Amino acid sequence: LELLELVGISEPRKRARDYPHQLSGGMRQR
């Protein structure tokens, strides 16, 4: 969660449960 927040992904706890196809290209690169 610390790393996801560090790279600018909001709501890291929620996003940590997502699969790659649920993210945009920029978020996948992050």
PDB file of all heavy atoms in Angstrom:
ATOM      1  N   LEU A   1       0.832  -1.204   0.000  1.00  0.00           N
ATOM      2  CA  LEU A   1       0.000   0.000   0.000  1.00  0.00           C
ATOM      3  C   LEU A   1       0.864   1.250   0.000  1.00  0.00           C
ATOM      4  O   LEU A   1       0.535   2.247  -0.663  1.00  0.00           O
ATOM      5  CB  LEU A   1      -0.932  -0.014   1.215  1.00  0.00           C
ATOM      6  CG  LEU A   1      -1.917  -1.188   1.281  1.00  0.00           C
ATOM      7  CD1 LEU A   1      -2.794  -1.075   2.528  1.00  0.00           C
ATOM      8  CD2 LEU A   1      -2.784  -1.248   0.028  1.00  0.00           C
ATOM      9  N   GLU A   2       1.984   1.202   0.721  1.00  0.00           N
ATOM     10  CA  GLU A   2       2.907   2.333   0.746  1.00  0.00           C
ATOM     11  C   GLU A   2       3.474   2.597  -0.647  1.00  0.00           C
ATOM     12  O   GLU A   2       3.579   3.752  -1.091  1.00  0.00           O
ATOM     13  CB  GLU A   2       4.045   2.041   1.727  1.00  0.00           C
ATOM     14  CG  GLU A   2       5.110   3.121   1.788  1.00  0.00           C
ATOM     15  CD  GLU A   2       6.311   2.694   2.626  1.00  0.00           C
ATOM     16  OE1 GLU A   2       6.276   1.607   3.237  1.00  0.00           O
ATOM     17  OE2 GLU A   2       7.304   3.460   2.651  1.00  0.00           O
ATOM     18  N   LEU A   3       3.825   1.529  -1.360  1.00  0.00           N
ATOM     19  CA  LEU A   3       4.384   1.675  -2.701  1.00  0.00           C
ATOM     20  C   LEU A   3       3.348   2.220  -3.685  1.00  0.00           C
ATOM     21  O   LEU A   3       3.654   3.082  -4.515  1.00  0.00           O
ATOM     22  CB  LEU A   3       4.918   0.330  -3.195  1.00  0.00           C
ATOM     23  CG  LEU A   3       6.211  -0.153  -2.534  1.00  0.00           C
ATOM     24  CD1 LEU A   3       6.420  -1.647  -2.784  1.00  0.00           C
ATOM     25  CD2 LEU A   3       7.405   0.643  -3.060  1.00  0.00           C
ATOM     26  N   LEU A   4       2.123   1.722  -3.616  1.00  0.00           N
ATOM     27  CA  LEU A   4       1.077   2.219  -4.508  1.00  0.00           C
ATOM     28  C   LEU A   4       0.819   3.705  -4.267  1.00  0.00           C
ATOM     29  O   LEU A   4       0.630   4.479  -5.212  1.00  0.00           O
ATOM     30  CB  LEU A   4      -0.205   1.418  -4.312  1.00  0.00           C
ATOM     31  CG  LEU A   4      -0.180  -0.027  -4.828  1.00  0.00           C
ATOM     32  CD1 LEU A   4      -1.459  -0.756  -4.440  1.00  0.00           C
ATOM     33  CD2 LEU A   4       0.011  -0.056  -6.347  1.00  0.00           C
ATOM     34  N   GLU A   5       0.832   4.111  -3.003  1.00  0.00           N
ATOM     35  CA  GLU A   5       0.658   5.525  -2.701  1.00  0.00           C
ATOM     36  C   GLU A   5       1.855   6.341  -3.187  1.00  0.00           C
ATOM     37  O   GLU A   5       1.706   7.443  -3.715  1.00  0.00           O
ATOM     38  CB  GLU A   5       0.482   5.709  -1.190  1.00  0.00           C
ATOM     39  CG  GLU A   5       0.129   7.130  -0.785  1.00  0.00           C
ATOM     40  CD  GLU A   5      -0.232   7.236   0.688  1.00  0.00           C
ATOM     41  OE1 GLU A   5      -0.148   6.232   1.403  1.00  0.00           O
ATOM     42  OE2 GLU A   5      -0.598   8.346   1.118  1.00  0.00           O
ATOM     43  N   LEU A   6       3.056   5.758  -3.046  1.00  0.00           N
ATOM     44  CA  LEU A   6       4.276   6.432  -3.462  1.00  0.00           C
ATOM     45  C   LEU A   6       4.264   6.764  -4.948  1.00  0.00           C
ATOM     46  O   LEU A   6       4.728   7.833  -5.372  1.00  0.00           O
ATOM     47  CB  LEU A   6       5.484   5.555  -3.140  1.00  0.00           C
ATOM     48  CG  LEU A   6       6.867   6.079  -3.521  1.00  0.00           C
ATOM     49  CD1 LEU A   6       7.229   7.290  -2.667  1.00  0.00           C
ATOM     50  CD2 LEU A   6       7.916   4.985  -3.354  1.00  0.00           C
ATOM     51  N   VAL A   7       3.716   5.864  -5.777  1.00  0.00           N
ATOM     52  CA  VAL A   7       3.707   6.097  -7.229  1.00  0.00           C
ATOM     53  C   VAL A   7       2.447   6.819  -7.689  1.00  0.00           C
ATOM     54  O   VAL A   7       2.181   6.904  -8.888  1.00  0.00           O
ATOM     55  CB  VAL A   7       3.876   4.770  -8.006  1.00  0.00           C
ATOM     56  CG1 VAL A   7       5.210   4.128  -7.676  1.00  0.00           C
ATOM     57  CG2 VAL A   7       2.727   3.798  -7.733  1.00  0.00           C
ATOM     58  N   GLY A   8       1.677   7.347  -6.753  1.00  0.00           N
ATOM     59  CA  GLY A   8       0.576   8.228  -7.114  1.00  0.00           C
ATOM     60  C   GLY A   8      -0.728   7.548  -7.454  1.00  0.00           C
ATOM     61  O   GLY A   8      -1.557   8.131  -8.161  1.00  0.00           O
ATOM     62  N   ILE A   9      -0.936   6.328  -6.976  1.00  0.00           N
ATOM     63  CA  ILE A   9      -2.209   5.641  -7.204  1.00  0.00           C
ATOM     64  C   ILE A   9      -3.128   5.917  -6.026  1.00  0.00           C
ATOM     65  O   ILE A   9      -2.808   5.569  -4.879  1.00  0.00           O
ATOM     66  CB  ILE A   9      -1.996   4.127  -7.397  1.00  0.00           C
ATOM     67  CG1 ILE A   9      -1.243   3.881  -8.715  1.00  0.00           C
ATOM     68  CG2 ILE A   9      -3.324   3.371  -7.394  1.00  0.00           C
ATOM     69  CD1 ILE A   9      -1.001   2.433  -9.041  1.00  0.00           C
ATOM     70  N   SER A  10      -4.257   6.543  -6.294  1.00  0.00           N
ATOM     71  CA  SER A  10      -5.203   6.877  -5.230  1.00  0.00           C
ATOM     72  C   SER A  10      -5.946   5.627  -4.756  1.00  0.00           C
ATOM     73  O   SER A  10      -6.027   4.624  -5.477  1.00  0.00           O
ATOM     74  CB  SER A  10      -6.204   7.926  -5.722  1.00  0.00           C
ATOM     75  OG  SER A  10      -6.919   7.436  -6.846  1.00  0.00           O
ATOM     76  N   GLU A  11      -6.467   5.692  -3.571  1.00  0.00           N
ATOM     77  CA  GLU A  11      -7.182   4.571  -2.946  1.00  0.00           C
ATOM     78  C   GLU A  11      -6.377   3.262  -3.078  1.00  0.00           C
ATOM     79  O   GLU A  11      -6.853   2.275  -3.647  1.00  0.00           O
ATOM     80  CB  GLU A  11      -8.558   4.384  -3.581  1.00  0.00           C
ATOM     81  CG  GLU A  11      -9.472   5.598  -3.443  1.00  0.00           C
ATOM     82  CD  GLU A  11     -10.833   5.349  -4.055  1.00  0.00           C
ATOM     83  OE1 GLU A  11     -10.968   5.495  -5.292  1.00  0.00           O
ATOM     84  OE2 GLU A  11     -11.753   4.966  -3.288  1.00  0.00           O
ATOM     85  N   PRO A  12      -5.163   3.242  -2.552  1.00  0.00           N
ATOM     86  CA  PRO A  12      -4.297   2.077  -2.759  1.00  0.00           C
ATOM     87  C   PRO A  12      -4.879   0.766  -2.231  1.00  0.00           C
ATOM     88  O   PRO A  12      -4.680  -0.285  -2.844  1.00  0.00           O
ATOM     89  CB  PRO A  12      -3.011   2.457  -2.013  1.00  0.00           C
ATOM     90  CG  PRO A  12      -3.392   3.561  -1.086  1.00  0.00           C
ATOM     91  CD  PRO A  12      -4.502   4.289  -1.753  1.00  0.00           C
ATOM     92  N   ARG A  13      -5.611   0.812  -1.135  1.00  0.00           N
ATOM     93  CA  ARG A  13      -6.177  -0.432  -0.606  1.00  0.00           C
ATOM     94  C   ARG A  13      -7.206  -1.025  -1.573  1.00  0.00           C
ATOM     95  O   ARG A  13      -7.253  -2.240  -1.781  1.00  0.00           O
ATOM     96  CB  ARG A  13      -6.806  -0.187   0.769  1.00  0.00           C
ATOM     97  CG  ARG A  13      -7.247  -1.463   1.494  1.00  0.00           C
ATOM     98  CD  ARG A  13      -7.718  -1.147   2.900  1.00  0.00           C
ATOM     99  NE  ARG A  13      -6.637  -0.638   3.731  1.00  0.00           N
ATOM    100  CZ  ARG A  13      -5.775  -1.400   4.401  1.00  0.00           C
ATOM    101  NH1 ARG A  13      -5.893  -2.729   4.343  1.00  0.00           N
ATOM    102  NH2 ARG A  13      -4.835  -0.864   5.135  1.00  0.00           N
ATOM    103  N   LYS A  14      -7.988  -0.167  -2.197  1.00  0.00           N
ATOM    104  CA  LYS A  14      -8.970  -0.633  -3.174  1.00  0.00           C
ATOM    105  C   LYS A  14      -8.273  -1.113  -4.447  1.00  0.00           C
ATOM    106  O   LYS A  14      -8.597  -2.176  -4.987  1.00  0.00           O
ATOM    107  CB  LYS A  14      -9.944   0.492  -3.503  1.00  0.00           C
ATOM    108  CG  LYS A  14     -10.945   0.174  -4.613  1.00  0.00           C
ATOM    109  CD  LYS A  14     -11.869   1.357  -4.851  1.00  0.00           C
ATOM    110  CE  LYS A  14     -12.870   1.073  -5.960  1.00  0.00           C
ATOM    111  NZ  LYS A  14     -12.214   0.867  -7.272  1.00  0.00           N
ATOM    112  N   ARG A  15      -7.297  -0.331  -4.925  1.00  0.00           N
ATOM    113  CA  ARG A  15      -6.618  -0.682  -6.167  1.00  0.00           C
ATOM    114  C   ARG A  15      -5.781  -1.955  -6.029  1.00  0.00           C
ATOM    115  O   ARG A  15      -5.579  -2.670  -7.018  1.00  0.00           O
ATOM    116  CB  ARG A  15      -5.721   0.480  -6.608  1.00  0.00           C
ATOM    117  CG  ARG A  15      -6.488   1.697  -7.106  1.00  0.00           C
ATOM    118  CD  ARG A  15      -7.397   1.324  -8.268  1.00  0.00           C
ATOM    119  NE  ARG A  15      -8.054   2.486  -8.849  1.00  0.00           N
ATOM    120  CZ  ARG A  15      -8.950   2.428  -9.816  1.00  0.00           C
ATOM    121  NH1 ARG A  15      -9.307   1.254 -10.310  1.00  0.00           N
ATOM    122  NH2 ARG A  15      -9.507   3.520 -10.282  1.00  0.00           N
ATOM    123  N   ALA A  16      -5.300  -2.235  -4.832  1.00  0.00           N
ATOM    124  CA  ALA A  16      -4.507  -3.450  -4.622  1.00  0.00           C
ATOM    125  C   ALA A  16      -5.315  -4.705  -4.922  1.00  0.00           C
ATOM    126  O   ALA A  16      -4.741  -5.761  -5.225  1.00  0.00           O
ATOM    127  CB  ALA A  16      -3.968  -3.494  -3.197  1.00  0.00           C
ATOM    128  N   ARG A  17      -6.645  -4.601  -4.860  1.00  0.00           N
ATOM    129  CA  ARG A  17      -7.507  -5.759  -5.131  1.00  0.00           C
ATOM    130  C   ARG A  17      -7.916  -5.850  -6.593  1.00  0.00           C
ATOM    131  O   ARG A  17      -8.601  -6.790  -6.995  1.00  0.00           O
ATOM    132  CB  ARG A  17      -8.763  -5.689  -4.241  1.00  0.00           C
ATOM    133  CG  ARG A  17      -8.468  -5.784  -2.747  1.00  0.00           C
ATOM    134  CD  ARG A  17      -9.734  -6.024  -1.937  1.00  0.00           C
ATOM    135  NE  ARG A  17     -10.640  -4.889  -2.027  1.00  0.00           N
ATOM    136  CZ  ARG A  17     -10.637  -3.858  -1.181  1.00  0.00           C
ATOM    137  NH1 ARG A  17      -9.749  -3.821  -0.189  1.00  0.00           N
ATOM    138  NH2 ARG A  17     -11.493  -2.863  -1.303  1.00  0.00           N
ATOM    139  N   ASP A  18      -7.501  -4.857  -7.397  1.00  0.00           N
ATOM    140  CA  ASP A  18      -7.853  -4.862  -8.823  1.00  0.00           C
ATOM    141  C   ASP A  18      -6.942  -5.792  -9.617  1.00  0.00           C
ATOM    142  O   ASP A  18      -5.799  -6.077  -9.221  1.00  0.00           O
ATOM    143  CB  ASP A  18      -7.731  -3.449  -9.409  1.00  0.00           C
ATOM    144  CG  ASP A  18      -8.879  -2.550  -8.983  1.00  0.00           C
ATOM    145  OD1 ASP A  18      -9.899  -3.072  -8.501  1.00  0.00           O
ATOM    146  OD2 ASP A  18      -8.744  -1.320  -9.142  1.00  0.00           O
ATOM    147  N   TYR A  19      -7.469  -6.234 -10.773  1.00  0.00           N
ATOM    148  CA  TYR A  19      -6.658  -6.993 -11.732  1.00  0.00           C
ATOM    149  C   TYR A  19      -6.105  -6.018 -12.771  1.00  0.00           C
ATOM    150  O   TYR A  19      -6.662  -4.915 -12.958  1.00  0.00           O
ATOM    151  CB  TYR A  19      -7.511  -8.067 -12.406  1.00  0.00           C
ATOM    152  CG  TYR A  19      -7.930  -9.172 -11.469  1.00  0.00           C
ATOM    153  CD1 TYR A  19      -9.139  -9.107 -10.773  1.00  0.00           C
ATOM    154  CD2 TYR A  19      -7.099 -10.277 -11.273  1.00  0.00           C
ATOM    155  CE1 TYR A  19      -9.518 -10.127  -9.906  1.00  0.00           C
ATOM    156  CE2 TYR A  19      -7.471 -11.303 -10.411  1.00  0.00           C
ATOM    157  CZ  TYR A  19      -8.687 -11.216  -9.723  1.00  0.00           C
ATOM    158  OH  TYR A  19      -9.031 -12.223  -8.863  1.00  0.00           O
ATOM    159  N   PRO A  20      -5.026  -6.381 -13.472  1.00  0.00           N
ATOM    160  CA  PRO A  20      -4.427  -5.443 -14.423  1.00  0.00           C
ATOM    161  C   PRO A  20      -5.400  -4.859 -15.442  1.00  0.00           C
ATOM    162  O   PRO A  20      -5.304  -3.675 -15.782  1.00  0.00           O
ATOM    163  CB  PRO A  20      -3.346  -6.293 -15.098  1.00  0.00           C
ATOM    164  CG  PRO A  20      -2.932  -7.269 -14.041  1.00  0.00           C
ATOM    165  CD  PRO A  20      -4.215  -7.597 -13.315  1.00  0.00           C
ATOM    166  N   HIS A  21      -6.359  -5.668 -15.928  1.00  0.00           N
ATOM    167  CA  HIS A  21      -7.258  -5.164 -16.971  1.00  0.00           C
ATOM    168  C   HIS A  21      -8.200  -4.089 -16.447  1.00  0.00           C
ATOM    169  O   HIS A  21      -8.836  -3.389 -17.242  1.00  0.00           O
ATOM    170  CB  HIS A  21      -8.065  -6.319 -17.575  1.00  0.00           C
ATOM    171  CG  HIS A  21      -9.134  -6.853 -16.677  1.00  0.00           C
ATOM    172  ND1 HIS A  21      -8.906  -7.863 -15.768  1.00  0.00           N
ATOM    173  CD2 HIS A  21     -10.437  -6.507 -16.538  1.00  0.00           C
ATOM    174  CE1 HIS A  21     -10.026  -8.126 -15.113  1.00  0.00           C
ATOM    175  NE2 HIS A  21     -10.971  -7.319 -15.556  1.00  0.00           N
ATOM    176  N   GLN A  22      -8.295  -3.943 -15.124  1.00  0.00           N
ATOM    177  CA  GLN A  22      -9.166  -2.934 -14.552  1.00  0.00           C
ATOM    178  C   GLN A  22      -8.486  -1.574 -14.429  1.00  0.00           C
ATOM    179  O   GLN A  22      -9.128  -0.606 -14.011  1.00  0.00           O
ATOM    180  CB  GLN A  22      -9.652  -3.402 -13.178  1.00  0.00           C
ATOM    181  CG  GLN A  22     -10.535  -4.641 -13.241  1.00  0.00           C
ATOM    182  CD  GLN A  22     -10.922  -5.138 -11.863  1.00  0.00           C
ATOM    183  OE1 GLN A  22     -10.123  -5.767 -11.157  1.00  0.00           O
ATOM    184  NE2 GLN A  22     -12.150  -4.850 -11.464  1.00  0.00           N
ATOM    185  N   LEU A  23      -7.225  -1.494 -14.796  1.00  0.00           N
ATOM    186  CA  LEU A  23      -6.469  -0.254 -14.674  1.00  0.00           C
ATOM    187  C   LEU A  23      -6.172   0.323 -16.052  1.00  0.00           C
ATOM    188  O   LEU A  23      -6.075  -0.405 -17.037  1.00  0.00           O
ATOM    189  CB  LEU A  23      -5.143  -0.503 -13.941  1.00  0.00           C
ATOM    190  CG  LEU A  23      -5.217  -1.146 -12.561  1.00  0.00           C
ATOM    191  CD1 LEU A  23      -3.815  -1.329 -12.001  1.00  0.00           C
ATOM    192  CD2 LEU A  23      -6.073  -0.315 -11.612  1.00  0.00           C
ATOM    193  N   SER A  24      -5.998   1.635 -16.106  1.00  0.00           N
ATOM    194  CA  SER A  24      -5.589   2.295 -17.344  1.00  0.00           C
ATOM    195  C   SER A  24      -4.123   1.986 -17.622  1.00  0.00           C
ATOM    196  O   SER A  24      -3.387   1.474 -16.762  1.00  0.00           O
ATOM    197  CB  SER A  24      -5.784   3.805 -17.221  1.00  0.00           C
ATOM    198  OG  SER A  24      -4.866   4.327 -16.256  1.00  0.00           O
ATOM    199  N   GLY A  25      -3.678   2.325 -18.838  1.00  0.00           N
ATOM    200  CA  GLY A  25      -2.283   2.088 -19.198  1.00  0.00           C
ATOM    201  C   GLY A  25      -1.315   2.821 -18.281  1.00  0.00           C
ATOM    202  O   GLY A  25      -0.294   2.268 -17.862  1.00  0.00           O
ATOM    203  N   GLY A  26      -1.638   4.074 -17.960  1.00  0.00           N
ATOM    204  CA  GLY A  26      -0.770   4.838 -17.070  1.00  0.00           C
ATOM    205  C   GLY A  26      -0.709   4.258 -15.676  1.00  0.00           C
ATOM    206  O   GLY A  26       0.362   4.227 -15.042  1.00  0.00           O
ATOM    207  N   MET A  27      -1.842   3.779 -15.172  1.00  0.00           N
ATOM    208  CA  MET A  27      -1.858   3.182 -13.836  1.00  0.00           C
ATOM    209  C   MET A  27      -1.112   1.853 -13.819  1.00  0.00           C
ATOM    210  O   MET A  27      -0.423   1.526 -12.844  1.00  0.00           O
ATOM    211  CB  MET A  27      -3.297   3.008 -13.362  1.00  0.00           C
ATOM    212  CG  MET A  27      -3.998   4.318 -13.069  1.00  0.00           C
ATOM    213  SD  MET A  27      -5.677   4.114 -12.442  1.00  0.00           S
ATOM    214  CE  MET A  27      -5.371   3.446 -10.815  1.00  0.00           C
ATOM    215  N   ARG A  28      -1.237   1.071 -14.910  1.00  0.00           N
ATOM    216  CA  ARG A  28      -0.469  -0.184 -14.974  1.00  0.00           C
ATOM    217  C   ARG A  28       1.027   0.099 -14.960  1.00  0.00           C
ATOM    218  O   ARG A  28       1.800  -0.627 -14.330  1.00  0.00           O
ATOM    219  CB  ARG A  28      -0.860  -0.975 -16.226  1.00  0.00           C
ATOM    220  CG  ARG A  28      -2.227  -1.617 -16.140  1.00  0.00           C
ATOM    221  CD  ARG A  28      -2.418  -2.660 -17.227  1.00  0.00           C
ATOM    222  NE  ARG A  28      -2.438  -2.083 -18.561  1.00  0.00           N
ATOM    223  CZ  ARG A  28      -3.538  -1.729 -19.204  1.00  0.00           C
ATOM    224  NH1 ARG A  28      -4.722  -1.880 -18.629  1.00  0.00           N
ATOM    225  NH2 ARG A  28      -3.474  -1.224 -20.431  1.00  0.00           N
ATOM    226  N   GLN A  29       1.442   1.168 -15.661  1.00  0.00           N
ATOM    227  CA  GLN A  29       2.863   1.507 -15.652  1.00  0.00           C
ATOM    228  C   GLN A  29       3.303   1.945 -14.253  1.00  0.00           C
ATOM    229  O   GLN A  29       4.419   1.627 -13.818  1.00  0.00           O
ATOM    230  CB  GLN A  29       3.146   2.598 -16.677  1.00  0.00           C
ATOM    231  CG  GLN A  29       4.620   2.799 -16.996  1.00  0.00           C
ATOM    232  CD  GLN A  29       5.252   1.573 -17.618  1.00  0.00           C
ATOM    233  OE1 GLN A  29       5.511   0.584 -16.936  1.00  0.00           O
ATOM    234  NE2 GLN A  29       5.515   1.634 -18.909  1.00  0.00           N
ATOM    235  N   ARG A  30       2.444   2.628 -13.538  1.00  0.00           N
ATOM    236  CA  ARG A  30       2.764   3.007 -12.156  1.00  0.00           C
ATOM    237  C   ARG A  30       2.889   1.768 -11.267  1.00  0.00           C
ATOM    238  O   ARG A  30       3.739   1.725 -10.365  1.00  0.00           O
ATOM    239  CB  ARG A  30       1.692   3.955 -11.608  1.00  0.00           C
ATOM    240  CG  ARG A  30       1.747   5.348 -12.221  1.00  0.00           C
ATOM    241  CD  ARG A  30       0.572   6.215 -11.793  1.00  0.00           C
ATOM    242  NE  ARG A  30       0.571   7.490 -12.486  1.00  0.00           N
ATOM    243  CZ  ARG A  30       1.123   8.603 -12.003  1.00  0.00           C
ATOM    244  NH1 ARG A  30       1.701   8.598 -10.813  1.00  0.00           N
ATOM    245  NH2 ARG A  30       1.081   9.722 -12.702  1.00  0.00           N
TER     246      ARG A  30
END
